[in-house]
């Protein structure tokens, strides 16, 4: 699943080498922390947060196979 988030983020940004995805696993929730270059932050969040919400929806749908909850956090 981490690879899925990485693929989505790196395809959105201008500088894919700066994009990092960190997986933090809890008891019932997996959090994918995304960090990108400052100038690419708007591209990952999107207008009104649409792109970020779409990524969260995709990750939640993919996480149903593992019986855990998953979310994406975008770090500035």
N, C-alpha and C. Protein backbone atom coordinates (compact mmCIF):
# COMPACT_ATOMS: atom_id res chain seq x y z
N UNK A 1 0.82 -1.19 0.00
CA UNK A 1 0.00 0.00 0.00
C UNK A 1 0.87 1.26 0.00
N UNK A 2 2.00 1.19 0.68
CA UNK A 2 2.93 2.33 0.70
C UNK A 2 3.37 2.68 -0.71
N UNK A 3 3.59 1.65 -1.53
CA UNK A 3 4.01 1.87 -2.91
C UNK A 3 2.92 2.59 -3.71
N UNK A 4 1.66 2.27 -3.41
CA UNK A 4 0.55 2.93 -4.08
C UNK A 4 0.53 4.42 -3.77
N UNK A 5 0.70 4.76 -2.50
CA UNK A 5 0.72 6.17 -2.10
C UNK A 5 1.92 6.88 -2.73
N UNK A 6 3.06 6.21 -2.73
CA UNK A 6 4.26 6.80 -3.33
C UNK A 6 4.06 7.05 -4.81
N UNK A 7 3.47 6.12 -5.51
CA UNK A 7 3.22 6.27 -6.94
C UNK A 7 2.30 7.45 -7.21
N UNK A 8 1.24 7.59 -6.42
CA UNK A 8 0.31 8.71 -6.61
C UNK A 8 1.01 10.04 -6.37
N UNK A 9 1.77 10.11 -5.29
CA UNK A 9 2.41 11.38 -4.93
C UNK A 9 3.48 11.75 -5.95
N UNK A 10 4.33 10.80 -6.32
CA UNK A 10 5.41 11.10 -7.25
C UNK A 10 4.92 11.47 -8.64
N UNK A 11 3.73 10.98 -9.01
CA UNK A 11 3.19 11.34 -10.32
C UNK A 11 2.59 12.75 -10.33
N UNK A 12 2.33 13.30 -9.16
CA UNK A 12 1.73 14.64 -9.06
C UNK A 12 2.76 15.76 -9.00
N UNK A 13 3.91 15.51 -8.43
CA UNK A 13 4.86 16.59 -8.12
C UNK A 13 5.87 16.82 -9.25
N UNK A 14 6.49 18.00 -9.23
CA UNK A 14 7.53 18.33 -10.19
C UNK A 14 8.87 17.71 -9.81
N UNK A 15 9.11 17.56 -8.51
CA UNK A 15 10.38 17.02 -8.02
C UNK A 15 10.12 15.71 -7.26
N UNK A 16 10.02 14.58 -7.98
CA UNK A 16 9.69 13.32 -7.31
C UNK A 16 10.77 12.81 -6.36
N UNK A 17 12.00 13.29 -6.51
CA UNK A 17 13.07 12.87 -5.61
C UNK A 17 12.88 13.40 -4.19
N UNK A 18 12.15 14.50 -4.05
CA UNK A 18 11.90 15.10 -2.74
C UNK A 18 10.71 14.47 -2.03
N UNK A 19 9.91 13.69 -2.75
CA UNK A 19 8.70 13.10 -2.17
C UNK A 19 9.06 11.91 -1.29
N UNK A 20 8.53 11.89 -0.09
CA UNK A 20 8.77 10.81 0.87
C UNK A 20 7.44 10.35 1.46
N UNK A 21 7.31 9.03 1.62
CA UNK A 21 6.12 8.47 2.25
C UNK A 21 6.60 7.60 3.40
N UNK A 22 6.10 7.90 4.60
CA UNK A 22 6.47 7.16 5.80
C UNK A 22 5.22 6.44 6.32
N UNK A 23 5.36 5.16 6.60
CA UNK A 23 4.23 4.37 7.09
C UNK A 23 4.33 4.23 8.60
N UNK A 24 3.28 4.66 9.30
CA UNK A 24 3.22 4.55 10.75
C UNK A 24 2.04 3.64 11.08
N UNK A 25 2.35 2.46 11.63
CA UNK A 25 1.31 1.47 11.90
C UNK A 25 0.93 1.51 13.38
N UNK A 26 -0.36 1.60 13.63
CA UNK A 26 -0.89 1.52 14.98
C UNK A 26 -1.62 0.20 15.14
N UNK A 27 -2.41 0.08 16.18
CA UNK A 27 -3.16 -1.15 16.41
C UNK A 27 -4.19 -1.41 15.33
N UNK A 28 -4.96 -0.39 15.01
CA UNK A 28 -6.02 -0.58 14.03
C UNK A 28 -5.95 0.41 12.87
N UNK A 29 -5.01 1.33 12.91
CA UNK A 29 -4.92 2.36 11.88
C UNK A 29 -3.49 2.43 11.34
N UNK A 30 -3.39 2.53 10.02
CA UNK A 30 -2.10 2.77 9.38
C UNK A 30 -2.14 4.18 8.81
N UNK A 31 -1.15 4.99 9.17
CA UNK A 31 -1.08 6.37 8.69
C UNK A 31 0.09 6.48 7.73
N UNK A 32 -0.18 7.02 6.56
CA UNK A 32 0.86 7.27 5.58
C UNK A 32 1.16 8.76 5.59
N UNK A 33 2.35 9.11 6.07
CA UNK A 33 2.75 10.51 6.16
C UNK A 33 3.50 10.88 4.88
N UNK A 34 2.98 11.87 4.18
CA UNK A 34 3.55 12.30 2.91
C UNK A 34 4.25 13.63 3.11
N UNK A 35 5.49 13.70 2.68
CA UNK A 35 6.19 14.98 2.69
C UNK A 35 6.78 15.22 1.30
N UNK A 36 6.61 16.45 0.83
CA UNK A 36 7.09 16.83 -0.50
C UNK A 36 7.80 18.17 -0.38
N UNK A 37 8.42 18.60 -1.47
CA UNK A 37 9.06 19.91 -1.50
C UNK A 37 8.00 20.99 -1.31
N UNK A 38 8.40 22.10 -0.73
CA UNK A 38 7.47 23.19 -0.40
C UNK A 38 6.69 23.67 -1.63
N UNK A 39 7.35 23.76 -2.78
CA UNK A 39 6.68 24.25 -3.98
C UNK A 39 5.70 23.23 -4.57
N UNK A 40 5.78 21.98 -4.16
CA UNK A 40 4.87 20.93 -4.65
C UNK A 40 3.72 20.66 -3.70
N UNK A 41 3.68 21.32 -2.57
CA UNK A 41 2.66 21.06 -1.56
C UNK A 41 1.25 21.31 -2.09
N UNK A 42 1.07 22.38 -2.84
CA UNK A 42 -0.24 22.70 -3.40
C UNK A 42 -0.72 21.67 -4.41
N UNK A 43 0.21 21.06 -5.13
CA UNK A 43 -0.16 20.06 -6.13
C UNK A 43 -0.65 18.78 -5.47
N UNK A 44 -0.13 18.45 -4.30
CA UNK A 44 -0.54 17.25 -3.60
C UNK A 44 -1.87 17.47 -2.87
N UNK A 45 -2.07 18.68 -2.35
CA UNK A 45 -3.32 18.98 -1.64
C UNK A 45 -4.45 19.23 -2.63
N UNK A 46 -4.18 19.99 -3.67
CA UNK A 46 -5.20 20.28 -4.67
C UNK A 46 -6.11 21.42 -4.25
N UNK A 47 -6.90 21.87 -5.19
CA UNK A 47 -7.81 22.99 -4.95
C UNK A 47 -8.91 22.55 -3.99
N UNK A 48 -8.97 23.18 -2.85
CA UNK A 48 -9.97 22.83 -1.85
C UNK A 48 -9.73 21.47 -1.21
N UNK A 49 -8.53 20.92 -1.38
CA UNK A 49 -8.21 19.63 -0.79
C UNK A 49 -8.73 18.44 -1.57
N UNK A 50 -9.12 18.64 -2.82
CA UNK A 50 -9.73 17.57 -3.60
C UNK A 50 -8.77 16.42 -3.86
N UNK A 51 -7.54 16.72 -4.22
CA UNK A 51 -6.58 15.65 -4.52
C UNK A 51 -6.24 14.87 -3.25
N UNK A 52 -6.04 15.57 -2.15
CA UNK A 52 -5.74 14.90 -0.89
C UNK A 52 -6.90 13.99 -0.48
N UNK A 53 -8.12 14.47 -0.62
CA UNK A 53 -9.28 13.66 -0.27
C UNK A 53 -9.42 12.45 -1.20
N UNK A 54 -9.10 12.62 -2.46
CA UNK A 54 -9.17 11.50 -3.41
C UNK A 54 -8.13 10.44 -3.04
N UNK A 55 -6.93 10.87 -2.65
CA UNK A 55 -5.91 9.91 -2.23
C UNK A 55 -6.36 9.16 -0.98
N UNK A 56 -6.95 9.87 -0.04
CA UNK A 56 -7.45 9.22 1.19
C UNK A 56 -8.53 8.19 0.86
N UNK A 57 -9.40 8.51 -0.07
CA UNK A 57 -10.47 7.59 -0.47
C UNK A 57 -9.89 6.33 -1.09
N UNK A 58 -8.91 6.48 -1.96
CA UNK A 58 -8.28 5.32 -2.61
C UNK A 58 -7.58 4.45 -1.58
N UNK A 59 -6.86 5.06 -0.65
CA UNK A 59 -6.15 4.30 0.37
C UNK A 59 -7.12 3.58 1.30
N UNK A 60 -8.21 4.25 1.67
CA UNK A 60 -9.21 3.59 2.53
C UNK A 60 -9.83 2.40 1.83
N UNK A 61 -10.11 2.54 0.54
CA UNK A 61 -10.70 1.43 -0.21
C UNK A 61 -9.72 0.27 -0.33
N UNK A 62 -8.45 0.56 -0.55
CA UNK A 62 -7.44 -0.49 -0.66
C UNK A 62 -7.19 -1.16 0.69
N UNK A 63 -7.39 -0.43 1.78
CA UNK A 63 -7.13 -0.98 3.12
C UNK A 63 -8.22 -1.93 3.59
N UNK A 64 -9.36 -1.94 2.94
CA UNK A 64 -10.42 -2.85 3.37
C UNK A 64 -10.01 -4.31 3.22
N UNK A 65 -9.07 -4.58 2.35
CA UNK A 65 -8.58 -5.96 2.19
C UNK A 65 -7.80 -6.44 3.40
N UNK A 66 -7.20 -5.51 4.13
CA UNK A 66 -6.37 -5.88 5.28
C UNK A 66 -7.14 -5.79 6.60
N UNK A 67 -8.41 -5.43 6.55
CA UNK A 67 -9.24 -5.27 7.76
C UNK A 67 -8.67 -4.24 8.73
N UNK A 68 -7.94 -3.28 8.22
CA UNK A 68 -7.45 -2.16 9.02
C UNK A 68 -7.90 -0.87 8.38
N UNK A 69 -7.86 0.19 9.15
CA UNK A 69 -8.17 1.51 8.61
C UNK A 69 -6.86 2.17 8.20
N UNK A 70 -6.90 2.96 7.15
CA UNK A 70 -5.70 3.65 6.69
C UNK A 70 -6.08 5.07 6.29
N UNK A 71 -5.15 5.97 6.45
CA UNK A 71 -5.35 7.35 6.06
C UNK A 71 -4.04 7.95 5.59
N UNK A 72 -4.15 9.09 4.94
CA UNK A 72 -2.99 9.80 4.42
C UNK A 72 -2.92 11.16 5.09
N UNK A 73 -1.75 11.51 5.63
CA UNK A 73 -1.52 12.83 6.20
C UNK A 73 -0.45 13.52 5.38
N UNK A 74 -0.68 14.76 5.04
CA UNK A 74 0.29 15.52 4.27
C UNK A 74 0.99 16.48 5.21
N UNK A 75 2.28 16.31 5.32
CA UNK A 75 3.08 17.13 6.24
C UNK A 75 3.67 18.31 5.49
N UNK A 76 3.70 19.45 6.13
CA UNK A 76 4.29 20.63 5.49
C UNK A 76 5.70 20.86 5.97
